Amino acid sequence: MKPMHLPIFLLLITTVTTIVSATTIMMVNKCNHPVWPGIQPGAGHPVLARGGFKLPPKKSYTLFLPPNWSGRLWGREGCTFDHSGHGKCATGDCGGTLFCNGAGGAPPATLAEITLTAEQDFYDVSLVDGYNLPIAITPFKGTGKCSYAGCVSDLNVMCPVGLQVRSRDKRRVVACKSACSAFNSPRFCCTGSYGNPQTCKPTAYSKIFKVACPRAYSYAYDDPTSIATCTGANYLLTFCPHH
């Protein structure tokens, strides 16, 4: 019977190796209120965790990413859903459902973007679609530059009047639009004759974002240092990292 043990042992080793080598993103909610993470895969990639769920304060959720996966993650706030998962969110809503199932979040929303490749991973935090809450990406156990990316400042408190999204009672700013979505002009959206790095330059609005959050994308052709790279890492995605 002894020879039978070897294949089982090898099978266990293979299984353990597969689990260990998977890339993970641990999402942690350090906000003092619930956040409903949204997850949208890139074209051709699978939807993970049904695309969304509720993450209470001080809780975490670990997402296992398939090889070569790419996508974006964001936090929804002020959500109410019924028992069937229908409802809406004050910011980052993905079509009025708890499970985004591949749909993106309605701007303005702070985005974490990640692309895995065999050689290295690329990741960033983007304010190109506006801002709703502070988030940060921190890699660990990787090789390479592996720098931190994020926007930890509260842009809602410094959001220019023309970009503000206010709560229902109008008392507070719940999100800050990008100049593109607020004014829909080629200059702010980097489209048309502004559709290249030579003509699309920072604006007074994107500079506010960049000064507050130097480690985040502030407009479409922002400095390449806004993209971070790492190889073989796992990632920590924190909502409200300074709370």
C-alpha atoms as a PDB file:
ATOM      1  CA  MET A   1       0.000   0.000   0.000  1.00  0.00           C
ATOM      2  CA  LYS A   2       2.949   2.360   0.557  1.00  0.00           C
ATOM      3  CA  PRO A   3       3.361   3.423  -3.092  1.00  0.00           C
ATOM      4  CA  MET A   4      -0.181   4.875  -2.952  1.00  0.00           C
ATOM      5  CA  HIS A   5       0.964   7.552  -0.486  1.00  0.00           C
ATOM      6  CA  LEU A   6       3.322   9.263  -2.898  1.00  0.00           C
ATOM      7  CA  PRO A   7       0.780  10.547  -5.453  1.00  0.00           C
ATOM      8  CA  ILE A   8      -1.488  11.830  -2.643  1.00  0.00           C
ATOM      9  CA  PHE A   9       1.470  13.607  -1.029  1.00  0.00           C
ATOM     10  CA  LEU A  10       2.454  15.161  -4.354  1.00  0.00           C
ATOM     11  CA  LEU A  11      -1.139  16.172  -4.951  1.00  0.00           C
ATOM     12  CA  LEU A  12      -1.224  17.944  -1.596  1.00  0.00           C
ATOM     13  CA  ILE A  13       2.054  19.737  -2.334  1.00  0.00           C
ATOM     14  CA  THR A  14       0.721  20.852  -5.719  1.00  0.00           C
ATOM     15  CA  THR A  15      -2.528  22.102  -4.190  1.00  0.00           C
ATOM     16  CA  VAL A  16      -0.732  24.040  -1.448  1.00  0.00           C
ATOM     17  CA  THR A  17       1.670  25.567  -3.983  1.00  0.00           C
ATOM     18  CA  THR A  18      -1.244  26.681  -6.155  1.00  0.00           C
ATOM     19  CA  ILE A  19      -2.976  28.371  -3.222  1.00  0.00           C
ATOM     20  CA  VAL A  20       0.200  30.078  -2.019  1.00  0.00           C
ATOM     21  CA  SER A  21       1.105  31.397  -5.484  1.00  0.00           C
ATOM     22  CA  ALA A  22      -2.269  33.066  -6.078  1.00  0.00           C
ATOM     23  CA  THR A  23      -2.220  36.858  -5.859  1.00  0.00           C
ATOM     24  CA  THR A  24      -4.472  38.239  -3.145  1.00  0.00           C
ATOM     25  CA  ILE A  25      -5.939  41.637  -2.386  1.00  0.00           C
ATOM     26  CA  MET A  26      -7.025  42.110   1.194  1.00  0.00           C
ATOM     27  CA  MET A  27      -9.587  44.895   1.478  1.00  0.00           C
ATOM     28  CA  VAL A  28      -9.731  46.576   4.888  1.00  0.00           C
ATOM     29  CA  ASN A  29     -12.346  49.124   5.940  1.00  0.00           C
ATOM     30  CA  LYS A  30     -10.843  51.672   8.335  1.00  0.00           C
ATOM     31  CA  CYS A  31     -13.702  54.132   7.768  1.00  0.00           C
ATOM     32  CA  ASN A  32     -16.086  54.737  10.663  1.00  0.00           C
ATOM     33  CA  HIS A  33     -18.995  53.655   8.463  1.00  0.00           C
ATOM     34  CA  PRO A  34     -19.716  50.689   6.153  1.00  0.00           C
ATOM     35  CA  VAL A  35     -18.216  50.626   2.661  1.00  0.00           C
ATOM     36  CA  TRP A  36     -19.604  48.497  -0.166  1.00  0.00           C
ATOM     37  CA  PRO A  37     -16.615  47.559  -2.358  1.00  0.00           C
ATOM     38  CA  GLY A  38     -17.273  47.339  -6.087  1.00  0.00           C
ATOM     39  CA  ILE A  39     -15.124  45.136  -8.342  1.00  0.00           C
ATOM     40  CA  GLN A  40     -15.167  45.455 -12.140  1.00  0.00           C
ATOM     41  CA  PRO A  41     -12.994  43.104 -14.215  1.00  0.00           C
ATOM     42  CA  GLY A  42     -11.229  44.198 -17.375  1.00  0.00           C
ATOM     43  CA  ALA A  43     -12.624  42.865 -20.686  1.00  0.00           C
ATOM     44  CA  GLY A  44     -12.431  39.077 -20.849  1.00  0.00           C
ATOM     45  CA  HIS A  45     -11.642  38.596 -17.160  1.00  0.00           C
ATOM     46  CA  PRO A  46     -13.947  36.921 -14.617  1.00  0.00           C
ATOM     47  CA  VAL A  47     -16.193  38.755 -12.160  1.00  0.00           C
ATOM     48  CA  LEU A  48     -14.941  38.190  -8.603  1.00  0.00           C
ATOM     49  CA  ALA A  49     -17.102  38.052  -5.447  1.00  0.00           C
ATOM     50  CA  ARG A  50     -20.148  38.760  -7.659  1.00  0.00           C
ATOM     51  CA  GLY A  51     -18.732  42.254  -8.158  1.00  0.00           C
ATOM     52  CA  GLY A  52     -19.643  43.699  -4.771  1.00  0.00           C
ATOM     53  CA  PHE A  53     -20.533  43.216  -1.124  1.00  0.00           C
ATOM     54  CA  LYS A  54     -20.835  45.033   2.195  1.00  0.00           C
ATOM     55  CA  LEU A  55     -17.710  45.598   4.299  1.00  0.00           C
ATOM     56  CA  PRO A  56     -18.475  46.853   7.829  1.00  0.00           C
ATOM     57  CA  PRO A  57     -16.036  49.110   9.729  1.00  0.00           C
ATOM     58  CA  LYS A  58     -12.866  47.393  11.020  1.00  0.00           C
ATOM     59  CA  LYS A  59     -13.547  44.314   8.860  1.00  0.00           C
ATOM     60  CA  SER A  60     -11.518  42.830   6.029  1.00  0.00           C
ATOM     61  CA  TYR A  61     -12.169  40.651   2.997  1.00  0.00           C
ATOM     62  CA  THR A  62      -9.535  38.779   0.980  1.00  0.00           C
ATOM     63  CA  LEU A  63      -9.965  38.470  -2.771  1.00  0.00           C
ATOM     64  CA  PHE A  64      -8.032  35.796  -4.711  1.00  0.00           C
ATOM     65  CA  LEU A  65      -7.045  37.065  -8.157  1.00  0.00           C
ATOM     66  CA  PRO A  66      -6.629  34.665 -11.100  1.00  0.00           C
ATOM     67  CA  PRO A  67      -3.329  34.865 -13.039  1.00  0.00           C
ATOM     68  CA  ASN A  68      -3.137  37.825 -15.455  1.00  0.00           C
ATOM     69  CA  TRP A  69      -6.354  39.328 -14.046  1.00  0.00           C
ATOM     70  CA  SER A  70      -6.999  43.022 -14.452  1.00  0.00           C
ATOM     71  CA  GLY A  71      -9.718  45.260 -13.112  1.00  0.00           C
ATOM     72  CA  ARG A  72     -10.731  48.156 -10.928  1.00  0.00           C
ATOM     73  CA  LEU A  73     -11.984  48.344  -7.361  1.00  0.00           C
ATOM     74  CA  TRP A  74     -13.741  51.179  -5.564  1.00  0.00           C
ATOM     75  CA  GLY A  75     -15.762  51.894  -2.449  1.00  0.00           C
ATOM     76  CA  ARG A  76     -19.473  52.704  -2.483  1.00  0.00           C
ATOM     77  CA  GLU A  77     -20.925  54.760   0.350  1.00  0.00           C
ATOM     78  CA  GLY A  78     -24.382  55.500   1.729  1.00  0.00           C
ATOM     79  CA  CYS A  79     -25.952  52.324   0.333  1.00  0.00           C
ATOM     80  CA  THR A  80     -29.335  50.827   1.137  1.00  0.00           C
ATOM     81  CA  PHE A  81     -30.370  47.471  -0.345  1.00  0.00           C
ATOM     82  CA  ASP A  82     -33.417  45.292   0.183  1.00  0.00           C
ATOM     83  CA  HIS A  83     -33.270  41.527   0.872  1.00  0.00           C
ATOM     84  CA  SER A  84     -32.952  40.819  -2.856  1.00  0.00           C
ATOM     85  CA  GLY A  85     -29.933  43.128  -3.233  1.00  0.00           C
ATOM     86  CA  HIS A  86     -31.738  45.975  -4.996  1.00  0.00           C
ATOM     87  CA  GLY A  87     -31.304  49.572  -3.872  1.00  0.00           C
ATOM     88  CA  LYS A  88     -28.824  52.359  -4.429  1.00  0.00           C
ATOM     89  CA  CYS A  89     -25.703  54.072  -3.123  1.00  0.00           C
ATOM     90  CA  ALA A  90     -25.015  57.764  -2.540  1.00  0.00           C
ATOM     91  CA  THR A  91     -21.629  57.391  -4.282  1.00  0.00           C
ATOM     92  CA  GLY A  92     -20.088  54.780  -6.592  1.00  0.00           C
ATOM     93  CA  ASP A  93     -23.423  53.110  -7.398  1.00  0.00           C
ATOM     94  CA  CYS A  94     -23.252  50.277  -9.938  1.00  0.00           C
ATOM     95  CA  GLY A  95     -26.759  50.213 -11.390  1.00  0.00           C
ATOM     96  CA  GLY A  96     -28.737  50.000  -8.159  1.00  0.00           C
ATOM     97  CA  THR A  97     -27.603  46.547  -7.077  1.00  0.00           C
ATOM     98  CA  LEU A  98     -25.484  45.086  -4.269  1.00  0.00           C
ATOM     99  CA  PHE A  99     -23.714  42.745  -6.698  1.00  0.00           C
ATOM    100  CA  CYS A 100     -22.166  44.817  -9.484  1.00  0.00           C
ATOM    101  CA  ASN A 101     -21.680  41.673 -11.645  1.00  0.00           C
ATOM    102  CA  GLY A 102     -19.248  43.359 -14.023  1.00  0.00           C
ATOM    103  CA  ALA A 103     -20.767  46.842 -14.036  1.00  0.00           C
ATOM    104  CA  GLY A 104     -18.640  49.887 -13.166  1.00  0.00           C
ATOM    105  CA  GLY A 105     -19.295  52.485 -10.520  1.00  0.00           C
ATOM    106  CA  ALA A 106     -21.000  55.781 -11.292  1.00  0.00           C
ATOM    107  CA  PRO A 107     -18.515  58.649 -11.022  1.00  0.00           C
ATOM    108  CA  PRO A 108     -17.330  60.388  -8.988  1.00  0.00           C
ATOM    109  CA  ALA A 109     -15.509  57.508  -7.306  1.00  0.00           C
ATOM    110  CA  THR A 110     -11.901  56.956  -6.263  1.00  0.00           C
ATOM    111  CA  LEU A 111     -10.600  53.971  -8.258  1.00  0.00           C
ATOM    112  CA  ALA A 112      -7.929  51.391  -7.516  1.00  0.00           C
ATOM    113  CA  GLU A 113      -6.724  49.789 -10.745  1.00  0.00           C
ATOM    114  CA  ILE A 114      -4.570  46.666 -11.044  1.00  0.00           C
ATOM    115  CA  THR A 115      -3.195  44.568 -13.919  1.00  0.00           C
ATOM    116  CA  LEU A 116      -1.357  41.323 -13.222  1.00  0.00           C
ATOM    117  CA  THR A 117       1.179  39.919 -15.695  1.00  0.00           C
ATOM    118  CA  ALA A 118       3.710  37.099 -15.484  1.00  0.00           C
ATOM    119  CA  GLU A 119       6.584  39.613 -15.429  1.00  0.00           C
ATOM    120  CA  GLN A 120       5.185  42.293 -13.099  1.00  0.00           C
ATOM    121  CA  ASP A 121       2.002  43.854 -11.785  1.00  0.00           C
ATOM    122  CA  PHE A 122       0.866  47.402 -12.541  1.00  0.00           C
ATOM    123  CA  TYR A 123      -1.382  49.260 -10.105  1.00  0.00           C
ATOM    124  CA  ASP A 124      -2.535  52.793  -9.364  1.00  0.00           C
ATOM    125  CA  VAL A 125      -5.158  54.878  -7.628  1.00  0.00           C
ATOM    126  CA  SER A 126      -7.024  57.148 -10.029  1.00  0.00           C
ATOM    127  CA  LEU A 127      -8.970  60.370  -9.533  1.00  0.00           C
ATOM    128  CA  VAL A 128      -9.664  60.652 -13.279  1.00  0.00           C
ATOM    129  CA  ASP A 129     -13.316  59.689 -12.565  1.00  0.00           C
ATOM    130  CA  GLY A 130     -13.434  61.933  -9.490  1.00  0.00           C
ATOM    131  CA  TYR A 131     -13.196  61.160  -5.775  1.00  0.00           C
ATOM    132  CA  ASN A 132     -15.514  59.879  -3.073  1.00  0.00           C
ATOM    133  CA  LEU A 133     -13.324  58.456  -0.296  1.00  0.00           C
ATOM    134  CA  PRO A 134      -9.628  57.981   0.512  1.00  0.00           C
ATOM    135  CA  ILE A 135      -8.039  54.671  -0.502  1.00  0.00           C
ATOM    136  CA  ALA A 136      -4.507  53.260  -0.571  1.00  0.00           C
ATOM    137  CA  ILE A 137      -2.803  50.226  -2.139  1.00  0.00           C
ATOM    138  CA  THR A 138       0.181  48.754  -0.311  1.00  0.00           C
ATOM    139  CA  PRO A 139       2.078  45.762  -1.752  1.00  0.00           C
ATOM    140  CA  PHE A 140       3.885  43.284   0.465  1.00  0.00           C
ATOM    141  CA  LYS A 141       6.270  40.358  -0.098  1.00  0.00           C
ATOM    142  CA  GLY A 142       6.983  41.455  -3.669  1.00  0.00           C
ATOM    143  CA  THR A 143      10.154  42.354  -5.539  1.00  0.00           C
ATOM    144  CA  GLY A 144      10.943  45.529  -7.498  1.00  0.00           C
ATOM    145  CA  LYS A 145      10.035  49.128  -6.692  1.00  0.00           C
ATOM    146  CA  CYS A 146       6.730  48.063  -5.127  1.00  0.00           C
ATOM    147  CA  SER A 147       5.782  51.584  -4.068  1.00  0.00           C
ATOM    148  CA  TYR A 148       2.630  52.610  -2.262  1.00  0.00           C
ATOM    149  CA  ALA A 149      -0.170  54.179  -4.328  1.00  0.00           C
ATOM    150  CA  GLY A 150      -3.128  56.094  -3.030  1.00  0.00           C
ATOM    151  CA  CYS A 151      -5.062  59.171  -2.107  1.00  0.00           C
ATOM    152  CA  VAL A 152      -5.337  59.490   1.660  1.00  0.00           C
ATOM    153  CA  SER A 153      -6.366  63.151   1.830  1.00  0.00           C
ATOM    154  CA  ASP A 154     -10.042  64.051   2.192  1.00  0.00           C
ATOM    155  CA  LEU A 155     -10.632  65.839  -1.110  1.00  0.00           C
ATOM    156  CA  ASN A 156     -14.274  66.436  -0.200  1.00  0.00           C
ATOM    157  CA  VAL A 157     -13.257  69.148   2.274  1.00  0.00           C
ATOM    158  CA  MET A 158     -11.247  71.030  -0.384  1.00  0.00           C
ATOM    159  CA  CYS A 159     -13.440  70.314  -3.411  1.00  0.00           C
ATOM    160  CA  PRO A 160     -14.135  73.426  -5.547  1.00  0.00           C
ATOM    161  CA  VAL A 161     -17.810  74.452  -5.566  1.00  0.00           C
ATOM    162  CA  GLY A 162     -18.283  73.571  -9.246  1.00  0.00           C
ATOM    163  CA  LEU A 163     -17.196  69.971  -8.636  1.00  0.00           C
ATOM    164  CA  GLN A 164     -19.058  69.254  -5.398  1.00  0.00           C
ATOM    165  CA  VAL A 165     -21.613  66.465  -5.005  1.00  0.00           C
ATOM    166  CA  ARG A 166     -23.679  67.109  -1.900  1.00  0.00           C
ATOM    167  CA  SER A 167     -25.704  64.859   0.387  1.00  0.00           C
ATOM    168  CA  ARG A 168     -29.491  64.814   0.094  1.00  0.00           C
ATOM    169  CA  ASP A 169     -29.840  67.353   2.886  1.00  0.00           C
ATOM    170  CA  LYS A 170     -27.145  69.484   1.136  1.00  0.00           C
ATOM    171  CA  ARG A 171     -25.219  69.785   4.389  1.00  0.00           C
ATOM    172  CA  ARG A 172     -22.027  68.024   3.380  1.00  0.00           C
ATOM    173  CA  VAL A 173     -19.930  67.196   0.331  1.00  0.00           C
ATOM    174  CA  VAL A 174     -20.026  63.417  -0.289  1.00  0.00           C
ATOM    175  CA  ALA A 175     -17.918  63.350  -3.464  1.00  0.00           C
ATOM    176  CA  CYS A 176     -15.854  65.528  -5.775  1.00  0.00           C
ATOM    177  CA  LYS A 177     -16.373  65.326  -9.543  1.00  0.00           C
ATOM    178  CA  SER A 178     -13.541  65.379 -12.025  1.00  0.00           C
ATOM    179  CA  ALA A 179     -13.428  68.543 -14.135  1.00  0.00           C
ATOM    180  CA  CYS A 180     -14.172  66.313 -17.145  1.00  0.00           C
ATOM    181  CA  SER A 181     -17.495  65.043 -15.783  1.00  0.00           C
ATOM    182  CA  ALA A 182     -18.403  68.470 -14.367  1.00  0.00           C
ATOM    183  CA  PHE A 183     -17.762  70.497 -17.537  1.00  0.00           C
ATOM    184  CA  ASN A 184     -17.526  67.832 -20.285  1.00  0.00           C
ATOM    185  CA  SER A 185     -15.043  69.804 -22.389  1.00  0.00           C
ATOM    186  CA  PRO A 186     -12.191  68.365 -24.509  1.00  0.00           C
ATOM    187  CA  ARG A 187      -9.631  70.332 -22.518  1.00  0.00           C
ATOM    188  CA  PHE A 188     -10.653  68.749 -19.226  1.00  0.00           C
ATOM    189  CA  CYS A 189     -11.422  65.297 -20.708  1.00  0.00           C
ATOM    190  CA  CYS A 190      -8.244  65.023 -22.839  1.00  0.00           C
ATOM    191  CA  THR A 191     -10.301  64.318 -25.967  1.00  0.00           C
ATOM    192  CA  GLY A 192     -10.271  65.696 -29.514  1.00  0.00           C
ATOM    193  CA  SER A 193      -7.327  68.005 -30.102  1.00  0.00           C
ATOM    194  CA  TYR A 194      -6.425  67.531 -26.414  1.00  0.00           C
ATOM    195  CA  GLY A 195      -6.239  63.749 -26.836  1.00  0.00           C
ATOM    196  CA  ASN A 196      -2.497  63.300 -26.410  1.00  0.00           C
ATOM    197  CA  PRO A 197       0.155  63.962 -23.740  1.00  0.00           C
ATOM    198  CA  GLN A 198       1.541  66.979 -25.610  1.00  0.00           C
ATOM    199  CA  THR A 199      -1.705  68.976 -25.627  1.00  0.00           C
ATOM    200  CA  CYS A 200      -3.475  67.619 -22.527  1.00  0.00           C
ATOM    201  CA  LYS A 201      -1.866  69.388 -19.586  1.00  0.00           C
ATOM    202  CA  PRO A 202      -2.735  69.746 -15.889  1.00  0.00           C
ATOM    203  CA  THR A 203      -5.528  72.208 -15.122  1.00  0.00           C
ATOM    204  CA  ALA A 204      -6.234  74.274 -12.027  1.00  0.00           C
ATOM    205  CA  TYR A 205      -8.665  71.504 -10.996  1.00  0.00           C
ATOM    206  CA  SER A 206      -6.355  68.530 -11.549  1.00  0.00           C
ATOM    207  CA  LYS A 207      -3.574  70.400  -9.715  1.00  0.00           C
ATOM    208  CA  ILE A 208      -5.772  70.576  -6.588  1.00  0.00           C
ATOM    209  CA  PHE A 209      -6.106  66.781  -6.739  1.00  0.00           C
ATOM    210  CA  LYS A 210      -2.389  66.281  -7.418  1.00  0.00           C
ATOM    211  CA  VAL A 211      -1.166  68.502  -4.584  1.00  0.00           C
ATOM    212  CA  ALA A 212      -3.491  66.721  -2.138  1.00  0.00           C
ATOM    213  CA  CYS A 213      -2.737  63.251  -3.510  1.00  0.00           C
ATOM    214  CA  PRO A 214       0.682  63.126  -5.211  1.00  0.00           C
ATOM    215  CA  ARG A 215       0.572  59.300  -5.417  1.00  0.00           C
ATOM    216  CA  ALA A 216      -2.636  59.200  -7.464  1.00  0.00           C
ATOM    217  CA  TYR A 217      -3.607  59.859 -11.084  1.00  0.00           C
ATOM    218  CA  SER A 218      -5.150  63.334 -11.303  1.00  0.00           C
ATOM    219  CA  TYR A 219      -6.001  63.466 -15.038  1.00  0.00           C
ATOM    220  CA  ALA A 220      -5.789  61.197 -18.106  1.00  0.00           C
ATOM    221  CA  TYR A 221      -2.153  61.874 -19.026  1.00  0.00           C
ATOM    222  CA  ASP A 222      -0.792  62.314 -15.539  1.00  0.00           C
ATOM    223  CA  ASP A 223       2.892  61.725 -14.851  1.00  0.00           C
ATOM    224  CA  PRO A 224       3.914  58.049 -15.370  1.00  0.00           C
ATOM    225  CA  THR A 225       5.112  57.927 -11.756  1.00  0.00           C
ATOM    226  CA  SER A 226       1.423  57.592 -10.848  1.00  0.00           C
ATOM    227  CA  ILE A 227       1.653  53.942 -11.975  1.00  0.00           C
ATOM    228  CA  ALA A 228       3.426  51.611  -9.543  1.00  0.00           C
ATOM    229  CA  THR A 229       4.926  48.209 -10.378  1.00  0.00           C
ATOM    230  CA  CYS A 230       5.750  45.124  -8.344  1.00  0.00           C
ATOM    231  CA  THR A 231       6.435  41.418  -8.991  1.00  0.00           C
ATOM    232  CA  GLY A 232       5.023  38.499  -7.054  1.00  0.00           C
ATOM    233  CA  ALA A 233       3.295  40.615  -4.407  1.00  0.00           C
ATOM    234  CA  ASN A 234       0.075  40.457  -2.480  1.00  0.00           C
ATOM    235  CA  TYR A 235      -1.818  43.696  -1.940  1.00  0.00           C
ATOM    236  CA  LEU A 236      -3.583  45.546   0.840  1.00  0.00           C
ATOM    237  CA  LEU A 237      -6.369  47.892  -0.267  1.00  0.00           C
ATOM    238  CA  THR A 238      -7.416  50.188   2.570  1.00  0.00           C
ATOM    239  CA  PHE A 239     -10.498  52.370   2.659  1.00  0.00           C
ATOM    240  CA  CYS A 240      -9.933  55.496   4.835  1.00  0.00           C
ATOM    241  CA  PRO A 241      -6.324  54.509   5.613  1.00  0.00           C
ATOM    242  CA  HIS A 242      -5.685  57.268   8.162  1.00  0.00           C
ATOM    243  CA  HIS A 243      -8.686  56.592  10.390  1.00  0.00           C
END
